[in-house]
């Protein structure tokens, strides 16, 4: 129980530090649609910059925070990609609730894990359980939470991939056949 309280205290201190430094957790007057557009833009940009599949990023973000930029886990992880305070700090994040900073830092961290472990499953296991656990077990740790996490992201990945293919085919159909929906 002490470890959980310690993690929450660190997360709270980080949030206070961010606020004192002048960064706002929620900027007044910004609509949810604008936040959503910022998230999509950040996913595309971070994906291109670090060479990580944007569908994988969307799947991780959906699993980690449900696309909530202000999410805080019981263990103290923050923002869209649920960065732990120490990880956020080590990646240069000044405001973990800023969607762009969080996505870029989380994508960099995921890129580092992908480079180290060479497979998405091991990288995701390290993202969820920590790289020490992956090293200790020389593979995916036998934690139910980690196994479920990897399976859920695989499911979300297939769902997001299907949505992207469906959108692409609709765009191609409209471009080649015209928009048949416009006919009354």
C-alpha atoms as a PDB file:
ATOM      1  CA  UNK A   1       0.000   0.000   0.000  1.00  0.00           C
ATOM      2  CA  UNK A   2       2.902   2.354   0.690  1.00  0.00           C
ATOM      3  CA  UNK A   3       4.227   2.031  -2.868  1.00  0.00           C
ATOM      4  CA  UNK A   4       0.844   3.040  -4.294  1.00  0.00           C
ATOM      5  CA  UNK A   5       0.669   6.083  -1.997  1.00  0.00           C
ATOM      6  CA  UNK A   6       4.220   7.016  -2.937  1.00  0.00           C
ATOM      7  CA  UNK A   7       3.410   6.830  -6.683  1.00  0.00           C
ATOM      8  CA  UNK A   8       0.273   8.929  -6.237  1.00  0.00           C
ATOM      9  CA  UNK A   9       2.251  11.488  -4.220  1.00  0.00           C
ATOM     10  CA  UNK A  10       4.838  11.739  -7.006  1.00  0.00           C
ATOM     11  CA  UNK A  11       2.086  12.147  -9.607  1.00  0.00           C
ATOM     12  CA  UNK A  12       0.428  14.849  -7.485  1.00  0.00           C
ATOM     13  CA  UNK A  13       3.748  16.653  -7.022  1.00  0.00           C
ATOM     14  CA  UNK A  14       4.360  16.498 -10.770  1.00  0.00           C
ATOM     15  CA  UNK A  15       0.910  17.952 -11.457  1.00  0.00           C
ATOM     16  CA  UNK A  16       1.515  20.769  -8.965  1.00  0.00           C
ATOM     17  CA  UNK A  17       4.911  21.441 -10.523  1.00  0.00           C
ATOM     18  CA  UNK A  18       3.326  21.643 -13.969  1.00  0.00           C
ATOM     19  CA  UNK A  19       0.670  24.064 -12.699  1.00  0.00           C
ATOM     20  CA  UNK A  20       3.196  26.247 -10.861  1.00  0.00           C
ATOM     21  CA  UNK A  21       5.352  26.400 -13.982  1.00  0.00           C
ATOM     22  CA  UNK A  22       2.429  28.022 -15.776  1.00  0.00           C
ATOM     23  CA  UNK A  23       1.163  25.062 -17.780  1.00  0.00           C
ATOM     24  CA  UNK A  24      -2.565  24.521 -17.561  1.00  0.00           C
ATOM     25  CA  UNK A  25      -4.039  21.065 -17.361  1.00  0.00           C
ATOM     26  CA  UNK A  26      -7.213  22.211 -19.114  1.00  0.00           C
ATOM     27  CA  UNK A  27      -7.025  25.306 -21.222  1.00  0.00           C
ATOM     28  CA  UNK A  28     -10.251  27.312 -20.981  1.00  0.00           C
ATOM     29  CA  UNK A  29     -12.269  27.693 -24.149  1.00  0.00           C
ATOM     30  CA  UNK A  30     -10.882  24.643 -25.957  1.00  0.00           C
ATOM     31  CA  UNK A  31     -13.585  22.356 -27.261  1.00  0.00           C
ATOM     32  CA  UNK A  32     -13.445  18.552 -27.171  1.00  0.00           C
ATOM     33  CA  UNK A  33     -13.446  18.600 -30.989  1.00  0.00           C
ATOM     34  CA  UNK A  34     -10.282  20.726 -30.960  1.00  0.00           C
ATOM     35  CA  UNK A  35      -8.632  18.367 -28.480  1.00  0.00           C
ATOM     36  CA  UNK A  36      -9.588  15.428 -30.717  1.00  0.00           C
ATOM     37  CA  UNK A  37      -8.115  17.167 -33.774  1.00  0.00           C
ATOM     38  CA  UNK A  38      -4.923  17.918 -31.801  1.00  0.00           C
ATOM     39  CA  UNK A  39      -4.668  14.273 -30.754  1.00  0.00           C
ATOM     40  CA  UNK A  40      -5.042  12.997 -34.332  1.00  0.00           C
ATOM     41  CA  UNK A  41      -2.544  15.556 -35.617  1.00  0.00           C
ATOM     42  CA  UNK A  42      -0.071  14.617 -32.870  1.00  0.00           C
ATOM     43  CA  UNK A  43      -0.469  10.906 -33.613  1.00  0.00           C
ATOM     44  CA  UNK A  44       0.260  11.475 -37.311  1.00  0.00           C
ATOM     45  CA  UNK A  45       3.246  13.734 -36.583  1.00  0.00           C
ATOM     46  CA  UNK A  46       4.788  11.513 -33.876  1.00  0.00           C
ATOM     47  CA  UNK A  47       4.240   8.443 -36.024  1.00  0.00           C
ATOM     48  CA  UNK A  48       6.068   9.996 -38.954  1.00  0.00           C
ATOM     49  CA  UNK A  49       8.838  11.452 -36.784  1.00  0.00           C
ATOM     50  CA  UNK A  50       9.652   8.257 -34.861  1.00  0.00           C
ATOM     51  CA  UNK A  51       8.596   5.681 -37.458  1.00  0.00           C
ATOM     52  CA  UNK A  52       5.944   4.010 -35.312  1.00  0.00           C
ATOM     53  CA  UNK A  53       2.728   2.728 -36.913  1.00  0.00           C
ATOM     54  CA  UNK A  54      -0.050   5.288 -36.240  1.00  0.00           C
ATOM     55  CA  UNK A  55      -2.565   2.469 -35.832  1.00  0.00           C
ATOM     56  CA  UNK A  56      -0.416   1.018 -33.050  1.00  0.00           C
ATOM     57  CA  UNK A  57      -0.269   4.433 -31.374  1.00  0.00           C
ATOM     58  CA  UNK A  58      -4.063   4.830 -31.539  1.00  0.00           C
ATOM     59  CA  UNK A  59      -4.473   1.334 -30.076  1.00  0.00           C
ATOM     60  CA  UNK A  60      -2.070   2.046 -27.201  1.00  0.00           C
ATOM     61  CA  UNK A  61      -3.736   5.393 -26.461  1.00  0.00           C
ATOM     62  CA  UNK A  62      -7.199   3.837 -26.502  1.00  0.00           C
ATOM     63  CA  UNK A  63      -6.097   1.075 -24.134  1.00  0.00           C
ATOM     64  CA  UNK A  64      -4.086   3.330 -21.829  1.00  0.00           C
ATOM     65  CA  UNK A  65      -6.429   6.304 -21.414  1.00  0.00           C
ATOM     66  CA  UNK A  66      -9.458   5.907 -23.658  1.00  0.00           C
ATOM     67  CA  UNK A  67      -8.253   9.080 -25.478  1.00  0.00           C
ATOM     68  CA  UNK A  68      -8.624  11.110 -22.262  1.00  0.00           C
ATOM     69  CA  UNK A  69      -5.710  13.605 -22.113  1.00  0.00           C
ATOM     70  CA  UNK A  70      -6.370  14.250 -18.403  1.00  0.00           C
ATOM     71  CA  UNK A  71      -6.385  10.608 -17.286  1.00  0.00           C
ATOM     72  CA  UNK A  72      -4.479   9.618 -14.151  1.00  0.00           C
ATOM     73  CA  UNK A  73      -4.129   5.938 -13.238  1.00  0.00           C
ATOM     74  CA  UNK A  74      -4.233   4.597  -9.677  1.00  0.00           C
ATOM     75  CA  UNK A  75      -0.469   4.006 -10.019  1.00  0.00           C
ATOM     76  CA  UNK A  76       0.149   7.655 -10.992  1.00  0.00           C
ATOM     77  CA  UNK A  77       0.542   7.340 -14.776  1.00  0.00           C
ATOM     78  CA  UNK A  78      -0.615  10.475 -16.576  1.00  0.00           C
ATOM     79  CA  UNK A  79      -2.123  11.627 -19.839  1.00  0.00           C
ATOM     80  CA  UNK A  80      -3.032   9.929 -23.078  1.00  0.00           C
ATOM     81  CA  UNK A  81      -0.188   7.423 -23.123  1.00  0.00           C
ATOM     82  CA  UNK A  82      -0.155   7.060 -19.325  1.00  0.00           C
ATOM     83  CA  UNK A  83       3.426   8.100 -18.695  1.00  0.00           C
ATOM     84  CA  UNK A  84       4.790   7.495 -15.223  1.00  0.00           C
ATOM     85  CA  UNK A  85       6.255  10.674 -13.669  1.00  0.00           C
ATOM     86  CA  UNK A  86       9.846   9.404 -13.820  1.00  0.00           C
ATOM     87  CA  UNK A  87       9.473   8.330 -17.460  1.00  0.00           C
ATOM     88  CA  UNK A  88       7.823  11.630 -18.409  1.00  0.00           C
ATOM     89  CA  UNK A  89      10.580  13.591 -16.708  1.00  0.00           C
ATOM     90  CA  UNK A  90      13.335  11.512 -18.354  1.00  0.00           C
ATOM     91  CA  UNK A  91      11.773  12.156 -21.771  1.00  0.00           C
ATOM     92  CA  UNK A  92      11.676  15.923 -21.196  1.00  0.00           C
ATOM     93  CA  UNK A  93       7.921  16.286 -20.689  1.00  0.00           C
ATOM     94  CA  UNK A  94       6.990  19.535 -18.950  1.00  0.00           C
ATOM     95  CA  UNK A  95       3.218  18.972 -19.070  1.00  0.00           C
ATOM     96  CA  UNK A  96       2.076  15.329 -19.270  1.00  0.00           C
ATOM     97  CA  UNK A  97      -1.496  16.500 -19.863  1.00  0.00           C
ATOM     98  CA  UNK A  98      -0.549  18.330 -23.045  1.00  0.00           C
ATOM     99  CA  UNK A  99      -1.665  15.878 -25.747  1.00  0.00           C
ATOM    100  CA  UNK A 100       1.197  16.690 -28.114  1.00  0.00           C
ATOM    101  CA  UNK A 101       3.939  16.397 -25.483  1.00  0.00           C
ATOM    102  CA  UNK A 102       2.458  13.206 -24.080  1.00  0.00           C
ATOM    103  CA  UNK A 103       2.044  11.537 -27.475  1.00  0.00           C
ATOM    104  CA  UNK A 104       5.523  12.505 -28.663  1.00  0.00           C
ATOM    105  CA  UNK A 105       7.142  11.308 -25.425  1.00  0.00           C
ATOM    106  CA  UNK A 106       5.084   8.098 -25.337  1.00  0.00           C
ATOM    107  CA  UNK A 107       5.912   7.419 -28.988  1.00  0.00           C
ATOM    108  CA  UNK A 108       9.627   7.994 -28.349  1.00  0.00           C
ATOM    109  CA  UNK A 109       9.474   5.602 -25.399  1.00  0.00           C
ATOM    110  CA  UNK A 110       7.608   3.001 -27.487  1.00  0.00           C
ATOM    111  CA  UNK A 111      10.162   3.444 -30.316  1.00  0.00           C
ATOM    112  CA  UNK A 112      12.992   2.799 -27.828  1.00  0.00           C
ATOM    113  CA  UNK A 113      11.247  -0.348 -26.607  1.00  0.00           C
ATOM    114  CA  UNK A 114      10.608  -1.542 -30.179  1.00  0.00           C
ATOM    115  CA  UNK A 115      14.282  -1.002 -31.016  1.00  0.00           C
ATOM    116  CA  UNK A 116      15.381  -2.866 -27.907  1.00  0.00           C
ATOM    117  CA  UNK A 117      12.995  -5.832 -28.064  1.00  0.00           C
ATOM    118  CA  UNK A 118      12.495  -6.089 -31.858  1.00  0.00           C
ATOM    119  CA  UNK A 119       8.869  -7.274 -31.568  1.00  0.00           C
ATOM    120  CA  UNK A 120       5.704  -5.357 -30.812  1.00  0.00           C
ATOM    121  CA  UNK A 121       4.547  -7.906 -28.214  1.00  0.00           C
ATOM    122  CA  UNK A 122       7.733  -7.634 -26.149  1.00  0.00           C
ATOM    123  CA  UNK A 123       7.773  -3.845 -26.499  1.00  0.00           C
ATOM    124  CA  UNK A 124       4.150  -3.683 -25.332  1.00  0.00           C
ATOM    125  CA  UNK A 125       4.930  -6.012 -22.434  1.00  0.00           C
ATOM    126  CA  UNK A 126       7.756  -3.675 -21.385  1.00  0.00           C
ATOM    127  CA  UNK A 127       5.478  -0.640 -21.818  1.00  0.00           C
ATOM    128  CA  UNK A 128       2.939  -2.241 -19.492  1.00  0.00           C
ATOM    129  CA  UNK A 129       4.992  -4.228 -16.972  1.00  0.00           C
ATOM    130  CA  UNK A 130       8.331  -2.457 -17.236  1.00  0.00           C
ATOM    131  CA  UNK A 131      11.481  -3.485 -19.005  1.00  0.00           C
ATOM    132  CA  UNK A 132      12.889  -5.122 -15.869  1.00  0.00           C
ATOM    133  CA  UNK A 133      10.071  -7.664 -15.894  1.00  0.00           C
ATOM    134  CA  UNK A 134      10.663  -8.475 -19.570  1.00  0.00           C
ATOM    135  CA  UNK A 135      14.385  -8.950 -18.911  1.00  0.00           C
ATOM    136  CA  UNK A 136      13.744 -11.006 -15.782  1.00  0.00           C
ATOM    137  CA  UNK A 137      11.354 -13.399 -17.537  1.00  0.00           C
ATOM    138  CA  UNK A 138      13.272 -13.253 -20.839  1.00  0.00           C
ATOM    139  CA  UNK A 139      10.001 -12.608 -22.600  1.00  0.00           C
ATOM    140  CA  UNK A 140       6.449 -11.613 -21.808  1.00  0.00           C
ATOM    141  CA  UNK A 141       5.997 -11.705 -18.025  1.00  0.00           C
ATOM    142  CA  UNK A 142       3.333 -14.188 -16.873  1.00  0.00           C
ATOM    143  CA  UNK A 143       1.213 -11.401 -15.398  1.00  0.00           C
ATOM    144  CA  UNK A 144      -2.482 -11.666 -16.276  1.00  0.00           C
ATOM    145  CA  UNK A 145      -2.689  -7.876 -16.650  1.00  0.00           C
ATOM    146  CA  UNK A 146       0.203  -7.790 -19.142  1.00  0.00           C
ATOM    147  CA  UNK A 147      -1.100 -10.712 -21.205  1.00  0.00           C
ATOM    148  CA  UNK A 148      -4.565  -9.100 -21.334  1.00  0.00           C
ATOM    149  CA  UNK A 149      -2.984  -5.748 -22.219  1.00  0.00           C
ATOM    150  CA  UNK A 150      -1.154  -7.212 -25.228  1.00  0.00           C
ATOM    151  CA  UNK A 151      -4.264  -9.119 -26.377  1.00  0.00           C
ATOM    152  CA  UNK A 152      -6.457  -6.016 -26.035  1.00  0.00           C
ATOM    153  CA  UNK A 153      -4.038  -3.886 -28.054  1.00  0.00           C
ATOM    154  CA  UNK A 154      -3.889  -6.598 -30.744  1.00  0.00           C
ATOM    155  CA  UNK A 155      -7.706  -6.527 -30.903  1.00  0.00           C
ATOM    156  CA  UNK A 156      -7.798  -2.711 -31.031  1.00  0.00           C
ATOM    157  CA  UNK A 157      -5.066  -2.712 -33.684  1.00  0.00           C
ATOM    158  CA  UNK A 158      -7.144  -4.966 -35.946  1.00  0.00           C
ATOM    159  CA  UNK A 159     -10.246  -2.815 -35.350  1.00  0.00           C
ATOM    160  CA  UNK A 160      -8.411   0.456 -36.100  1.00  0.00           C
ATOM    161  CA  UNK A 161      -6.752  -1.108 -39.174  1.00  0.00           C
ATOM    162  CA  UNK A 162     -10.174  -2.238 -40.461  1.00  0.00           C
ATOM    163  CA  UNK A 163     -11.593   1.280 -39.927  1.00  0.00           C
ATOM    164  CA  UNK A 164      -8.680   2.813 -41.836  1.00  0.00           C
ATOM    165  CA  UNK A 165      -9.148   0.389 -44.747  1.00  0.00           C
ATOM    166  CA  UNK A 166     -12.883   1.067 -44.811  1.00  0.00           C
ATOM    167  CA  UNK A 167     -12.321   4.860 -44.867  1.00  0.00           C
ATOM    168  CA  UNK A 168      -9.760   4.475 -47.649  1.00  0.00           C
ATOM    169  CA  UNK A 169     -12.086   2.343 -49.772  1.00  0.00           C
ATOM    170  CA  UNK A 170     -14.921   4.865 -49.316  1.00  0.00           C
ATOM    171  CA  UNK A 171     -12.600   7.686 -50.392  1.00  0.00           C
ATOM    172  CA  UNK A 172     -11.516   5.741 -53.478  1.00  0.00           C
ATOM    173  CA  UNK A 173     -15.131   4.891 -54.350  1.00  0.00           C
ATOM    174  CA  UNK A 174     -16.212   8.539 -54.098  1.00  0.00           C
ATOM    175  CA  UNK A 175     -13.206   9.671 -56.162  1.00  0.00           C
ATOM    176  CA  UNK A 176     -13.846   7.151 -58.934  1.00  0.00           C
ATOM    177  CA  UNK A 177     -17.645   6.798 -58.899  1.00  0.00           C
ATOM    178  CA  UNK A 178     -18.711  10.124 -57.433  1.00  0.00           C
ATOM    179  CA  UNK A 179     -20.670  10.696 -54.269  1.00  0.00           C
ATOM    180  CA  UNK A 180     -23.842   8.663 -54.787  1.00  0.00           C
ATOM    181  CA  UNK A 181     -25.158   9.786 -51.403  1.00  0.00           C
ATOM    182  CA  UNK A 182     -25.733  13.283 -52.767  1.00  0.00           C
ATOM    183  CA  UNK A 183     -28.548  12.038 -55.032  1.00  0.00           C
ATOM    184  CA  UNK A 184     -31.946  12.687 -53.409  1.00  0.00           C
END
